[in-house]
């Protein structure tokens, strides 16, 4: 029986192995770029972080610069996915709560992602030219959802763009300034930051800005 049109064929063992290796390389590159930036990171350092030889690395990538572009695209796609998975057009309270929880959890679990992006912004974002249109489109899509809530009287009027930027700022603070948060919260280097406490405070802050009271406070 032929596979239905449009159905994705399962990956072969070789394809699965290749995909996993590319993910390993990408994750290693994110850590190295976050720590040392594009110019300060060598392909040897990425290979070492990925646990492979430099020759193996170059089998999978054409250059350090192309890998950096791939990483930036991956980060922005992940952030867009977090919004889309959280978005509930009929229930702003649930959408805002879920979005903030997921943004903060990602910042706590993968701080290197935020740090890499912050490093790129701090140097004037010279590598972002091809990525701005996609980011702009994602932000505009989210802003349209927020404008719909305002028009329907579901939330108080807010600036749809700045509302998003302010959520990012709060969430990413715990990645970019992790050591400050740990010191002030009395959290040791081997203990996780209190995601529930951090998320709940941020959720209440942004729900109140929208004129919403939250009956789903964490216990």
N, C-alpha and C. Protein backbone atom coordinates (compact mmCIF):
# COMPACT_ATOMS: atom_id res chain seq x y z
N UNK A 1 0.85 -1.18 0.00
CA UNK A 1 0.00 0.00 0.00
C UNK A 1 0.89 1.24 0.00
N UNK A 2 0.60 2.19 -0.90
CA UNK A 2 1.39 3.40 -0.99
C UNK A 2 1.08 4.32 0.17
N UNK A 3 2.10 5.08 0.61
CA UNK A 3 1.89 6.07 1.68
C UNK A 3 0.96 7.15 1.18
N UNK A 4 0.11 7.65 2.05
CA UNK A 4 -0.79 8.73 1.67
C UNK A 4 0.00 9.96 1.27
N UNK A 5 -0.54 10.68 0.28
CA UNK A 5 0.13 11.90 -0.17
C UNK A 5 0.20 12.90 0.97
N UNK A 6 1.35 13.48 1.16
CA UNK A 6 1.52 14.49 2.19
C UNK A 6 2.01 13.94 3.51
N UNK A 7 1.97 12.59 3.66
CA UNK A 7 2.47 12.01 4.90
C UNK A 7 3.98 11.95 4.85
N UNK A 8 4.62 12.29 5.95
CA UNK A 8 6.07 12.30 6.02
C UNK A 8 6.59 10.88 6.23
N UNK A 9 7.53 10.50 5.39
CA UNK A 9 8.12 9.17 5.52
C UNK A 9 9.01 9.14 6.76
N UNK A 10 9.02 8.03 7.48
CA UNK A 10 9.91 7.92 8.65
C UNK A 10 11.37 8.02 8.21
N UNK A 11 12.19 8.62 9.07
CA UNK A 11 13.60 8.77 8.74
C UNK A 11 14.31 7.43 8.79
N UNK A 12 15.28 7.29 7.92
CA UNK A 12 16.13 6.10 7.95
C UNK A 12 17.10 6.22 9.13
N UNK A 13 17.79 5.13 9.43
CA UNK A 13 18.77 5.15 10.53
C UNK A 13 19.85 6.19 10.25
N UNK A 14 20.29 6.25 9.00
CA UNK A 14 21.33 7.22 8.63
C UNK A 14 20.82 8.65 8.81
N UNK A 15 19.58 8.90 8.37
CA UNK A 15 19.01 10.25 8.51
C UNK A 15 18.83 10.63 9.98
N UNK A 16 18.40 9.67 10.79
CA UNK A 16 18.23 9.92 12.22
C UNK A 16 19.57 10.25 12.86
N UNK A 17 20.60 9.49 12.53
CA UNK A 17 21.93 9.72 13.07
C UNK A 17 22.44 11.10 12.66
N UNK A 18 22.22 11.46 11.41
CA UNK A 18 22.68 12.76 10.92
C UNK A 18 21.96 13.90 11.63
N UNK A 19 20.63 13.74 11.81
CA UNK A 19 19.84 14.77 12.49
C UNK A 19 20.31 14.95 13.92
N UNK A 20 20.54 13.85 14.62
CA UNK A 20 20.99 13.93 16.01
C UNK A 20 22.38 14.57 16.11
N UNK A 21 23.25 14.27 15.16
CA UNK A 21 24.58 14.88 15.19
C UNK A 21 24.49 16.38 14.94
N UNK A 22 23.64 16.79 14.02
CA UNK A 22 23.47 18.22 13.76
C UNK A 22 22.92 18.94 15.00
N UNK A 23 22.01 18.27 15.72
CA UNK A 23 21.48 18.86 16.95
C UNK A 23 22.57 18.97 18.01
N UNK A 24 23.42 17.95 18.10
CA UNK A 24 24.54 17.98 19.05
C UNK A 24 25.50 19.13 18.71
N UNK A 25 25.79 19.28 17.44
CA UNK A 25 26.68 20.37 17.01
C UNK A 25 26.04 21.73 17.28
N UNK A 26 24.76 21.85 17.00
CA UNK A 26 24.08 23.13 17.23
C UNK A 26 24.07 23.49 18.71
N UNK A 27 23.78 22.51 19.56
CA UNK A 27 23.75 22.78 21.00
C UNK A 27 25.14 23.17 21.51
N UNK A 28 26.16 22.49 21.00
CA UNK A 28 27.53 22.82 21.39
C UNK A 28 27.88 24.23 20.90
N UNK A 29 27.47 24.57 19.70
CA UNK A 29 27.75 25.89 19.15
C UNK A 29 27.06 26.98 19.96
N UNK A 30 25.84 26.73 20.39
CA UNK A 30 25.12 27.71 21.20
C UNK A 30 25.90 28.00 22.48
N UNK A 31 26.38 26.94 23.13
CA UNK A 31 27.14 27.14 24.37
C UNK A 31 28.42 27.93 24.14
N UNK A 32 29.13 27.59 23.07
CA UNK A 32 30.40 28.27 22.80
C UNK A 32 30.19 29.71 22.33
N UNK A 33 29.22 29.93 21.46
CA UNK A 33 28.94 31.29 20.99
C UNK A 33 28.44 32.16 22.14
N UNK A 34 27.63 31.59 23.02
CA UNK A 34 27.13 32.36 24.17
C UNK A 34 28.27 32.77 25.09
N UNK A 35 29.26 31.90 25.23
CA UNK A 35 30.38 32.16 26.13
C UNK A 35 31.42 33.11 25.52
N UNK A 36 31.69 32.94 24.21
CA UNK A 36 32.83 33.64 23.61
C UNK A 36 32.49 34.50 22.39
N UNK A 37 31.23 34.49 21.96
CA UNK A 37 30.87 35.26 20.79
C UNK A 37 31.33 34.59 19.50
N UNK A 38 30.92 35.17 18.37
CA UNK A 38 31.28 34.60 17.07
C UNK A 38 32.79 34.67 16.83
N UNK A 39 33.37 35.85 17.01
CA UNK A 39 34.79 36.00 16.72
C UNK A 39 35.68 35.24 17.70
N UNK A 40 35.21 35.06 18.93
CA UNK A 40 36.01 34.39 19.94
C UNK A 40 35.86 32.89 19.99
N UNK A 41 35.04 32.34 19.11
CA UNK A 41 34.79 30.90 19.09
C UNK A 41 35.46 30.27 17.88
N UNK A 42 36.20 29.22 18.09
CA UNK A 42 36.85 28.49 16.99
C UNK A 42 36.06 27.24 16.66
N UNK A 43 36.24 26.75 15.45
CA UNK A 43 35.59 25.49 15.09
C UNK A 43 36.15 24.33 15.93
N UNK A 44 37.40 24.44 16.35
CA UNK A 44 37.96 23.41 17.21
C UNK A 44 37.23 23.37 18.56
N UNK A 45 36.91 24.56 19.09
CA UNK A 45 36.18 24.62 20.36
C UNK A 45 34.79 24.01 20.22
N UNK A 46 34.13 24.27 19.11
CA UNK A 46 32.80 23.70 18.88
C UNK A 46 32.90 22.18 18.75
N UNK A 47 33.89 21.71 18.01
CA UNK A 47 34.09 20.27 17.86
C UNK A 47 34.34 19.61 19.20
N UNK A 48 35.21 20.23 20.01
CA UNK A 48 35.51 19.68 21.33
C UNK A 48 34.24 19.62 22.19
N UNK A 49 33.43 20.69 22.15
CA UNK A 49 32.21 20.74 22.94
C UNK A 49 31.20 19.70 22.48
N UNK A 50 31.23 19.38 21.19
CA UNK A 50 30.31 18.38 20.63
C UNK A 50 30.84 16.97 20.79
N UNK A 51 32.10 16.83 21.20
CA UNK A 51 32.68 15.51 21.38
C UNK A 51 33.07 14.83 20.09
N UNK A 52 33.43 15.62 19.07
CA UNK A 52 33.82 15.06 17.78
C UNK A 52 35.11 15.74 17.33
N UNK A 53 35.70 15.23 16.26
CA UNK A 53 36.91 15.83 15.73
C UNK A 53 36.56 17.03 14.86
N UNK A 54 37.56 17.88 14.63
CA UNK A 54 37.33 19.04 13.76
C UNK A 54 36.96 18.60 12.35
N UNK A 55 37.58 17.52 11.87
CA UNK A 55 37.26 17.00 10.54
C UNK A 55 35.80 16.54 10.48
N UNK A 56 35.34 15.88 11.53
CA UNK A 56 33.93 15.45 11.57
C UNK A 56 32.99 16.65 11.57
N UNK A 57 33.37 17.67 12.32
CA UNK A 57 32.54 18.88 12.36
C UNK A 57 32.36 19.46 10.98
N UNK A 58 33.44 19.56 10.22
CA UNK A 58 33.37 20.18 8.90
C UNK A 58 32.67 19.31 7.87
N UNK A 59 32.41 18.06 8.23
CA UNK A 59 31.56 17.23 7.38
C UNK A 59 30.12 17.71 7.44
N UNK A 60 29.74 18.28 8.59
CA UNK A 60 28.36 18.70 8.81
C UNK A 60 28.13 20.20 8.60
N UNK A 61 29.17 21.01 8.67
CA UNK A 61 29.00 22.45 8.49
C UNK A 61 29.96 22.96 7.43
N UNK A 62 29.57 24.04 6.78
CA UNK A 62 30.43 24.64 5.76
C UNK A 62 31.40 25.65 6.37
N UNK A 63 30.92 26.36 7.41
CA UNK A 63 31.77 27.35 8.06
C UNK A 63 31.19 27.71 9.42
N UNK A 64 32.02 28.31 10.25
CA UNK A 64 31.57 28.79 11.56
C UNK A 64 30.49 29.85 11.39
N UNK A 65 30.66 30.71 10.39
CA UNK A 65 29.70 31.79 10.16
C UNK A 65 28.33 31.25 9.75
N UNK A 66 28.32 30.24 8.89
CA UNK A 66 27.04 29.65 8.49
C UNK A 66 26.36 28.95 9.67
N UNK A 67 27.16 28.31 10.51
CA UNK A 67 26.60 27.67 11.70
C UNK A 67 26.00 28.71 12.63
N UNK A 68 26.65 29.84 12.77
CA UNK A 68 26.12 30.92 13.61
C UNK A 68 24.77 31.40 13.08
N UNK A 69 24.65 31.54 11.76
CA UNK A 69 23.38 31.93 11.17
C UNK A 69 22.31 30.88 11.43
N UNK A 70 22.67 29.63 11.34
CA UNK A 70 21.73 28.54 11.63
C UNK A 70 21.25 28.61 13.07
N UNK A 71 22.17 28.88 13.97
CA UNK A 71 21.83 28.96 15.40
C UNK A 71 20.88 30.12 15.65
N UNK A 72 21.14 31.29 15.07
CA UNK A 72 20.24 32.43 15.25
C UNK A 72 18.84 32.09 14.75
N UNK A 73 18.75 31.47 13.58
CA UNK A 73 17.45 31.09 13.05
C UNK A 73 16.73 30.10 13.95
N UNK A 74 17.48 29.17 14.51
CA UNK A 74 16.90 28.17 15.42
C UNK A 74 16.33 28.84 16.67
N UNK A 75 17.08 29.78 17.24
CA UNK A 75 16.62 30.48 18.45
C UNK A 75 15.32 31.22 18.19
N UNK A 76 15.26 31.96 17.10
CA UNK A 76 14.05 32.74 16.80
C UNK A 76 12.87 31.82 16.51
N UNK A 77 13.11 30.69 15.86
CA UNK A 77 12.04 29.74 15.59
C UNK A 77 11.50 29.15 16.89
N UNK A 78 12.40 28.86 17.83
CA UNK A 78 11.98 28.33 19.13
C UNK A 78 11.12 29.34 19.88
N UNK A 79 11.53 30.60 19.89
CA UNK A 79 10.77 31.64 20.58
C UNK A 79 9.40 31.82 19.96
N UNK A 80 9.33 31.75 18.64
CA UNK A 80 8.02 31.86 17.97
C UNK A 80 7.15 30.67 18.33
N UNK A 81 7.74 29.49 18.40
CA UNK A 81 6.99 28.28 18.74
C UNK A 81 6.43 28.36 20.15
N UNK A 82 7.19 28.95 21.07
CA UNK A 82 6.70 29.10 22.44
C UNK A 82 5.43 29.94 22.45
N UNK A 83 5.40 31.02 21.67
CA UNK A 83 4.19 31.84 21.62
C UNK A 83 3.04 31.08 20.98
N UNK A 84 3.28 30.42 19.86
CA UNK A 84 2.20 29.74 19.15
C UNK A 84 1.60 28.62 19.98
N UNK A 85 2.46 27.89 20.73
CA UNK A 85 1.95 26.81 21.58
C UNK A 85 1.17 27.36 22.77
N UNK A 86 1.48 28.60 23.16
CA UNK A 86 0.82 29.19 24.32
C UNK A 86 -0.44 29.95 23.95
N UNK A 87 -0.53 30.35 22.68
CA UNK A 87 -1.57 31.29 22.27
C UNK A 87 -2.96 30.65 22.32
N UNK A 88 -3.85 31.29 23.05
CA UNK A 88 -5.26 30.90 23.09
C UNK A 88 -6.06 32.16 22.82
N UNK A 89 -6.54 32.29 21.61
CA UNK A 89 -7.17 33.55 21.20
C UNK A 89 -8.44 33.86 21.97
N UNK A 90 -9.05 32.85 22.56
CA UNK A 90 -10.30 33.07 23.28
C UNK A 90 -10.11 33.32 24.77
N UNK A 91 -8.92 33.09 25.29
CA UNK A 91 -8.70 33.18 26.73
C UNK A 91 -7.37 33.85 27.02
N UNK A 92 -7.32 35.18 27.09
CA UNK A 92 -6.05 35.87 27.30
C UNK A 92 -5.38 35.51 28.62
N UNK A 93 -6.16 35.24 29.66
CA UNK A 93 -5.56 34.89 30.95
C UNK A 93 -4.71 33.62 30.83
N UNK A 94 -5.28 32.60 30.20
CA UNK A 94 -4.54 31.35 30.02
C UNK A 94 -3.35 31.55 29.09
N UNK A 95 -3.54 32.30 28.02
CA UNK A 95 -2.48 32.52 27.06
C UNK A 95 -1.30 33.25 27.69
N UNK A 96 -1.58 34.31 28.43
CA UNK A 96 -0.50 35.09 29.07
C UNK A 96 0.21 34.25 30.11
N UNK A 97 -0.57 33.56 30.94
CA UNK A 97 0.02 32.71 31.98
C UNK A 97 0.94 31.66 31.36
N UNK A 98 0.44 30.95 30.36
CA UNK A 98 1.21 29.86 29.76
C UNK A 98 2.46 30.39 29.06
N UNK A 99 2.30 31.50 28.36
CA UNK A 99 3.44 32.08 27.63
C UNK A 99 4.56 32.48 28.58
N UNK A 100 4.21 33.17 29.66
CA UNK A 100 5.22 33.61 30.61
C UNK A 100 5.88 32.41 31.28
N UNK A 101 5.10 31.42 31.67
CA UNK A 101 5.68 30.21 32.28
C UNK A 101 6.70 29.58 31.35
N UNK A 102 6.36 29.45 30.07
CA UNK A 102 7.26 28.79 29.13
C UNK A 102 8.49 29.64 28.82
N UNK A 103 8.32 30.96 28.73
CA UNK A 103 9.47 31.83 28.48
C UNK A 103 10.45 31.77 29.65
N UNK A 104 9.93 31.83 30.85
CA UNK A 104 10.82 31.79 32.03
C UNK A 104 11.45 30.42 32.18
N UNK A 105 10.69 29.36 31.94
CA UNK A 105 11.26 28.02 32.07
C UNK A 105 12.38 27.82 31.07
N UNK A 106 12.21 28.31 29.85
CA UNK A 106 13.29 28.18 28.87
C UNK A 106 14.52 28.98 29.29
N UNK A 107 14.29 30.20 29.83
CA UNK A 107 15.41 31.02 30.29
C UNK A 107 16.18 30.32 31.40
N UNK A 108 15.47 29.63 32.28
CA UNK A 108 16.12 28.93 33.39
C UNK A 108 16.81 27.64 32.93
N UNK A 109 16.17 26.92 32.01
CA UNK A 109 16.71 25.64 31.55
C UNK A 109 17.84 25.82 30.54
N UNK A 110 17.74 26.88 29.71
CA UNK A 110 18.70 27.09 28.63
C UNK A 110 19.16 28.54 28.59
N UNK A 111 19.83 29.01 29.64
CA UNK A 111 20.23 30.41 29.69
C UNK A 111 21.19 30.80 28.58
N UNK A 112 21.92 29.82 28.04
CA UNK A 112 22.88 30.13 26.99
C UNK A 112 22.20 30.66 25.73
N UNK A 113 20.95 30.29 25.50
CA UNK A 113 20.23 30.79 24.33
C UNK A 113 20.02 32.30 24.44
N UNK A 114 19.52 32.73 25.58
CA UNK A 114 19.32 34.16 25.79
C UNK A 114 20.64 34.92 25.78
N UNK A 115 21.67 34.34 26.38
CA UNK A 115 22.96 35.02 26.45
C UNK A 115 23.58 35.20 25.07
N UNK A 116 23.44 34.20 24.22
CA UNK A 116 23.96 34.34 22.85
C UNK A 116 23.26 35.48 22.14
N UNK A 117 21.93 35.50 22.24
CA UNK A 117 21.16 36.53 21.55
C UNK A 117 21.48 37.91 22.12
N UNK A 118 21.61 38.02 23.44
CA UNK A 118 21.94 39.29 24.07
C UNK A 118 23.32 39.77 23.62
N UNK A 119 24.25 38.85 23.48
CA UNK A 119 25.60 39.20 23.02
C UNK A 119 25.54 39.76 21.60
N UNK A 120 24.74 39.13 20.75
CA UNK A 120 24.60 39.61 19.37
C UNK A 120 23.97 41.01 19.34
N UNK A 121 22.95 41.23 20.17
CA UNK A 121 22.32 42.55 20.21
C UNK A 121 23.30 43.61 20.72
N UNK A 122 24.11 43.25 21.72
CA UNK A 122 25.03 44.20 22.35
C UNK A 122 26.10 44.68 21.37
N UNK A 123 26.43 43.88 20.37
CA UNK A 123 27.44 44.30 19.41
C UNK A 123 26.84 44.91 18.15
N UNK A 124 25.55 45.26 18.24
CA UNK A 124 24.90 45.95 17.14
C UNK A 124 24.18 45.05 16.16
N UNK A 125 24.05 43.77 16.48
CA UNK A 125 23.30 42.79 15.67
C UNK A 125 23.76 42.73 14.21
N UNK A 126 25.07 42.66 13.93
CA UNK A 126 25.51 42.64 12.53
C UNK A 126 25.11 41.39 11.76
N UNK A 127 24.81 40.31 12.48
CA UNK A 127 24.47 39.05 11.80
C UNK A 127 22.96 38.82 11.70
N UNK A 128 22.17 39.81 12.05
CA UNK A 128 20.72 39.61 12.13
C UNK A 128 19.94 40.03 10.90
N UNK A 129 20.61 40.56 9.88
CA UNK A 129 19.90 41.14 8.74
C UNK A 129 18.85 40.19 8.14
N UNK A 130 19.21 38.95 7.94
CA UNK A 130 18.28 38.01 7.30
C UNK A 130 17.20 37.51 8.26
N UNK A 131 17.37 37.77 9.55
CA UNK A 131 16.42 37.24 10.55
C UNK A 131 15.39 38.27 11.01
N UNK A 132 15.66 39.56 10.79
CA UNK A 132 14.70 40.58 11.25
C UNK A 132 13.31 40.40 10.67
N UNK A 133 13.16 40.14 9.36
CA UNK A 133 11.79 40.00 8.82
C UNK A 133 10.97 38.92 9.52
N UNK A 134 11.59 37.77 9.80
CA UNK A 134 10.86 36.70 10.48
C UNK A 134 10.47 37.08 11.89
N UNK A 135 11.39 37.76 12.60
CA UNK A 135 11.08 38.21 13.96
C UNK A 135 9.96 39.24 13.93
N UNK A 136 10.04 40.18 12.98
CA UNK A 136 9.00 41.20 12.86
C UNK A 136 7.63 40.57 12.59
N UNK A 137 7.61 39.56 11.72
CA UNK A 137 6.35 38.89 11.39
C UNK A 137 5.76 38.19 12.61
N UNK A 138 6.62 37.52 13.41
CA UNK A 138 6.15 36.83 14.60
C UNK A 138 5.60 37.81 15.63
N UNK A 139 6.30 38.93 15.80
CA UNK A 139 5.84 39.95 16.75
C UNK A 139 4.53 40.56 16.29
N UNK A 140 4.41 40.82 15.00
CA UNK A 140 3.17 41.38 14.46
C UNK A 140 2.00 40.41 14.63
N UNK A 141 2.27 39.13 14.46
CA UNK A 141 1.23 38.10 14.64
C UNK A 141 0.73 38.10 16.08
N UNK A 142 1.67 38.15 17.03
CA UNK A 142 1.29 38.19 18.43
C UNK A 142 0.56 39.49 18.77
N UNK A 143 1.02 40.60 18.20
CA UNK A 143 0.38 41.89 18.45
C UNK A 143 -1.06 41.90 17.95
N UNK A 144 -1.31 41.22 16.85
CA UNK A 144 -2.67 41.15 16.33
C UNK A 144 -3.60 40.41 17.29
N UNK A 145 -3.08 39.35 17.91
CA UNK A 145 -3.86 38.62 18.92
C UNK A 145 -4.20 39.55 20.09
N UNK A 146 -3.20 40.30 20.55
CA UNK A 146 -3.40 41.21 21.68
C UNK A 146 -4.39 42.31 21.33
N UNK A 147 -4.28 42.86 20.12
CA UNK A 147 -5.23 43.90 19.69
C UNK A 147 -6.65 43.34 19.65
N UNK A 148 -6.78 42.06 19.27
CA UNK A 148 -8.10 41.44 19.26
C UNK A 148 -8.70 41.36 20.65
N UNK A 149 -7.88 41.00 21.64
CA UNK A 149 -8.35 40.95 23.03
C UNK A 149 -8.82 42.33 23.49
N UNK A 150 -8.06 43.36 23.13
CA UNK A 150 -8.42 44.73 23.52
C UNK A 150 -9.74 45.12 22.87
N UNK A 151 -9.87 44.86 21.57
CA UNK A 151 -11.08 45.24 20.84
C UNK A 151 -12.32 44.55 21.39
N UNK A 152 -12.15 43.32 21.87
CA UNK A 152 -13.27 42.56 22.42
C UNK A 152 -13.52 42.85 23.89
N UNK A 153 -12.73 43.75 24.48
CA UNK A 153 -12.89 44.10 25.88
C UNK A 153 -12.42 43.03 26.84
N UNK A 154 -11.58 42.12 26.38
CA UNK A 154 -11.13 41.04 27.24
C UNK A 154 -9.96 41.45 28.13
N UNK A 155 -9.21 42.46 27.70
CA UNK A 155 -8.12 42.99 28.52
C UNK A 155 -8.13 44.51 28.42
N UNK A 156 -7.51 45.17 29.39
CA UNK A 156 -7.35 46.63 29.33
C UNK A 156 -6.40 46.99 28.20
N UNK A 157 -6.50 48.19 27.66
CA UNK A 157 -5.60 48.59 26.58
C UNK A 157 -4.14 48.56 27.02
N UNK A 158 -3.31 47.94 26.20
CA UNK A 158 -1.86 47.93 26.40
C UNK A 158 -1.22 48.20 25.04
N UNK A 159 0.06 48.52 25.06
CA UNK A 159 0.82 48.64 23.82
C UNK A 159 1.22 47.22 23.41
N UNK A 160 0.66 46.68 22.31
CA UNK A 160 0.90 45.27 21.97
C UNK A 160 2.37 44.93 21.75
N UNK A 161 3.14 45.87 21.24
CA UNK A 161 4.56 45.62 21.03
C UNK A 161 5.33 45.66 22.35
N UNK A 162 5.17 46.74 23.10
CA UNK A 162 5.93 46.88 24.34
C UNK A 162 5.52 45.84 25.37
N UNK A 163 4.27 45.40 25.33
CA UNK A 163 3.83 44.34 26.23
C UNK A 163 4.68 43.09 26.02
N UNK A 164 4.92 42.74 24.76
CA UNK A 164 5.76 41.58 24.45
C UNK A 164 7.21 41.80 24.87
N UNK A 165 7.74 42.96 24.53
CA UNK A 165 9.13 43.25 24.86
C UNK A 165 9.36 43.20 26.36
N UNK A 166 8.40 43.71 27.12
CA UNK A 166 8.55 43.71 28.59
C UNK A 166 8.50 42.30 29.16
N UNK A 167 7.69 41.43 28.58
CA UNK A 167 7.68 40.03 29.02
C UNK A 167 9.04 39.40 28.74
N UNK A 168 9.59 39.64 27.56
CA UNK A 168 10.90 39.10 27.23
C UNK A 168 11.95 39.59 28.23
N UNK A 169 11.88 40.88 28.54
CA UNK A 169 12.88 41.46 29.44
C UNK A 169 12.86 40.79 30.80
N UNK A 170 11.66 40.55 31.32
CA UNK A 170 11.55 39.90 32.63
C UNK A 170 12.05 38.47 32.56
N UNK A 171 11.60 37.72 31.55
CA UNK A 171 11.99 36.31 31.45
C UNK A 171 13.49 36.17 31.24
N UNK A 172 14.05 36.95 30.32
CA UNK A 172 15.45 36.79 29.96
C UNK A 172 16.40 37.33 31.03
N UNK A 173 15.89 38.14 31.94
CA UNK A 173 16.72 38.63 33.04
C UNK A 173 17.32 37.47 33.81
N UNK A 174 16.54 36.41 34.00
CA UNK A 174 16.99 35.29 34.83
C UNK A 174 18.01 34.41 34.13
N UNK A 175 18.19 34.63 32.81
CA UNK A 175 19.28 33.99 32.09
C UNK A 175 20.50 34.90 32.03
N UNK A 176 20.27 36.15 31.61
CA UNK A 176 21.38 37.08 31.41
C UNK A 176 22.01 37.52 32.73
N UNK A 177 21.22 37.56 33.79
CA UNK A 177 21.72 37.97 35.11
C UNK A 177 21.49 36.86 36.14
N UNK A 178 21.76 35.64 35.70
CA UNK A 178 21.52 34.48 36.56
C UNK A 178 22.25 34.58 37.89
N UNK A 179 23.53 34.97 37.85
CA UNK A 179 24.31 34.99 39.08
C UNK A 179 23.78 36.04 40.07
N UNK A 180 23.31 37.16 39.54
CA UNK A 180 22.70 38.17 40.42
C UNK A 180 21.44 37.62 41.07
N UNK A 181 20.59 36.97 40.26
CA UNK A 181 19.36 36.39 40.79
C UNK A 181 19.67 35.33 41.85
N UNK A 182 20.68 34.51 41.60
CA UNK A 182 21.04 33.47 42.56
C UNK A 182 21.51 34.08 43.88
N UNK A 183 22.34 35.10 43.79
CA UNK A 183 22.86 35.71 45.00
C UNK A 183 21.74 36.36 45.81
N UNK A 184 20.87 37.12 45.13
CA UNK A 184 19.80 37.83 45.84
C UNK A 184 18.74 36.88 46.38
N UNK A 185 18.50 35.76 45.68
CA UNK A 185 17.49 34.81 46.13
C UNK A 185 18.09 33.75 47.06
N UNK A 186 19.39 33.81 47.30
CA UNK A 186 20.02 32.85 48.19
C UNK A 186 20.03 31.44 47.65
N UNK A 187 20.19 31.32 46.33
CA UNK A 187 20.20 30.01 45.68
C UNK A 187 21.61 29.61 45.33
N UNK A 188 22.06 28.47 45.79
CA UNK A 188 23.41 28.01 45.54
C UNK A 188 23.64 27.65 44.08
N UNK A 189 24.89 27.51 43.67
CA UNK A 189 25.21 27.25 42.27
C UNK A 189 24.72 25.91 41.75
N UNK A 190 24.49 24.96 42.64
CA UNK A 190 24.05 23.63 42.21
C UNK A 190 22.54 23.41 42.37
N UNK A 191 21.84 24.42 42.84
CA UNK A 191 20.39 24.30 43.04
C UNK A 191 19.66 25.08 41.95
N UNK A 192 18.51 24.58 41.51
CA UNK A 192 17.75 25.32 40.48
C UNK A 192 17.09 26.55 41.07
N UNK A 193 16.99 27.60 40.27
CA UNK A 193 16.21 28.75 40.69
C UNK A 193 14.75 28.35 40.80
N UNK A 194 14.01 29.04 41.65
CA UNK A 194 12.62 28.71 41.93
C UNK A 194 11.73 29.18 40.78
N UNK A 195 11.51 28.30 39.81
CA UNK A 195 10.75 28.66 38.61
C UNK A 195 9.32 29.05 38.95
N UNK A 196 8.70 28.36 39.89
CA UNK A 196 7.31 28.66 40.25
C UNK A 196 7.19 30.06 40.84
N UNK A 197 8.10 30.40 41.75
CA UNK A 197 8.07 31.71 42.38
C UNK A 197 8.30 32.82 41.35
N UNK A 198 9.30 32.63 40.51
CA UNK A 198 9.63 33.63 39.50
C UNK A 198 8.48 33.80 38.51
N UNK A 199 7.94 32.69 38.02
CA UNK A 199 6.85 32.75 37.04
C UNK A 199 5.61 33.40 37.62
N UNK A 200 5.25 33.02 38.85
CA UNK A 200 4.01 33.53 39.43
C UNK A 200 4.06 35.04 39.61
N UNK A 201 5.20 35.56 40.06
CA UNK A 201 5.32 37.01 40.24
C UNK A 201 5.19 37.73 38.91
N UNK A 202 5.83 37.20 37.88
CA UNK A 202 5.76 37.82 36.56
C UNK A 202 4.35 37.73 35.98
N UNK A 203 3.70 36.59 36.17
CA UNK A 203 2.34 36.41 35.68
C UNK A 203 1.39 37.43 36.30
N UNK A 204 1.47 37.58 37.63
CA UNK A 204 0.59 38.54 38.30
C UNK A 204 0.86 39.97 37.82
N UNK A 205 2.12 40.29 37.61
CA UNK A 205 2.50 41.62 37.14
C UNK A 205 1.84 41.93 35.80
N UNK A 206 1.92 41.01 34.85
CA UNK A 206 1.39 41.27 33.51
C UNK A 206 -0.12 41.11 33.43
N UNK A 207 -0.69 40.21 34.23
CA UNK A 207 -2.15 40.12 34.24
C UNK A 207 -2.76 41.38 34.83
N UNK A 208 -2.17 41.90 35.88
CA UNK A 208 -2.68 43.14 36.46
C UNK A 208 -2.59 44.29 35.47
N UNK A 209 -1.51 44.32 34.69
CA UNK A 209 -1.38 45.36 33.66
C UNK A 209 -2.52 45.26 32.65
N UNK A 210 -3.02 44.07 32.43
CA UNK A 210 -4.12 43.85 31.48
C UNK A 210 -5.49 44.02 32.14
N UNK A 211 -5.50 44.34 33.43
CA UNK A 211 -6.77 44.49 34.13
C UNK A 211 -7.42 43.16 34.46
N UNK A 212 -6.61 42.10 34.57
CA UNK A 212 -7.13 40.77 34.85
C UNK A 212 -6.73 40.36 36.25
N UNK A 213 -7.68 39.77 36.99
CA UNK A 213 -7.32 39.11 38.25
C UNK A 213 -7.17 37.64 37.94
N UNK A 214 -6.26 36.97 38.64
CA UNK A 214 -5.97 35.58 38.33
C UNK A 214 -6.46 34.69 39.45
N UNK A 215 -7.37 33.80 39.11
CA UNK A 215 -7.89 32.85 40.10
C UNK A 215 -7.10 31.56 40.10
N UNK A 216 -5.98 31.51 39.32
CA UNK A 216 -5.21 30.28 39.22
C UNK A 216 -3.85 30.44 39.87
N UNK A 217 -3.78 31.25 40.94
CA UNK A 217 -2.50 31.44 41.61
C UNK A 217 -1.92 30.11 42.06
N UNK A 218 -0.61 29.99 41.90
CA UNK A 218 0.04 28.77 42.37
C UNK A 218 0.01 28.73 43.89
N UNK A 219 -0.18 27.55 44.44
CA UNK A 219 -0.22 27.42 45.89
C UNK A 219 1.20 27.50 46.45
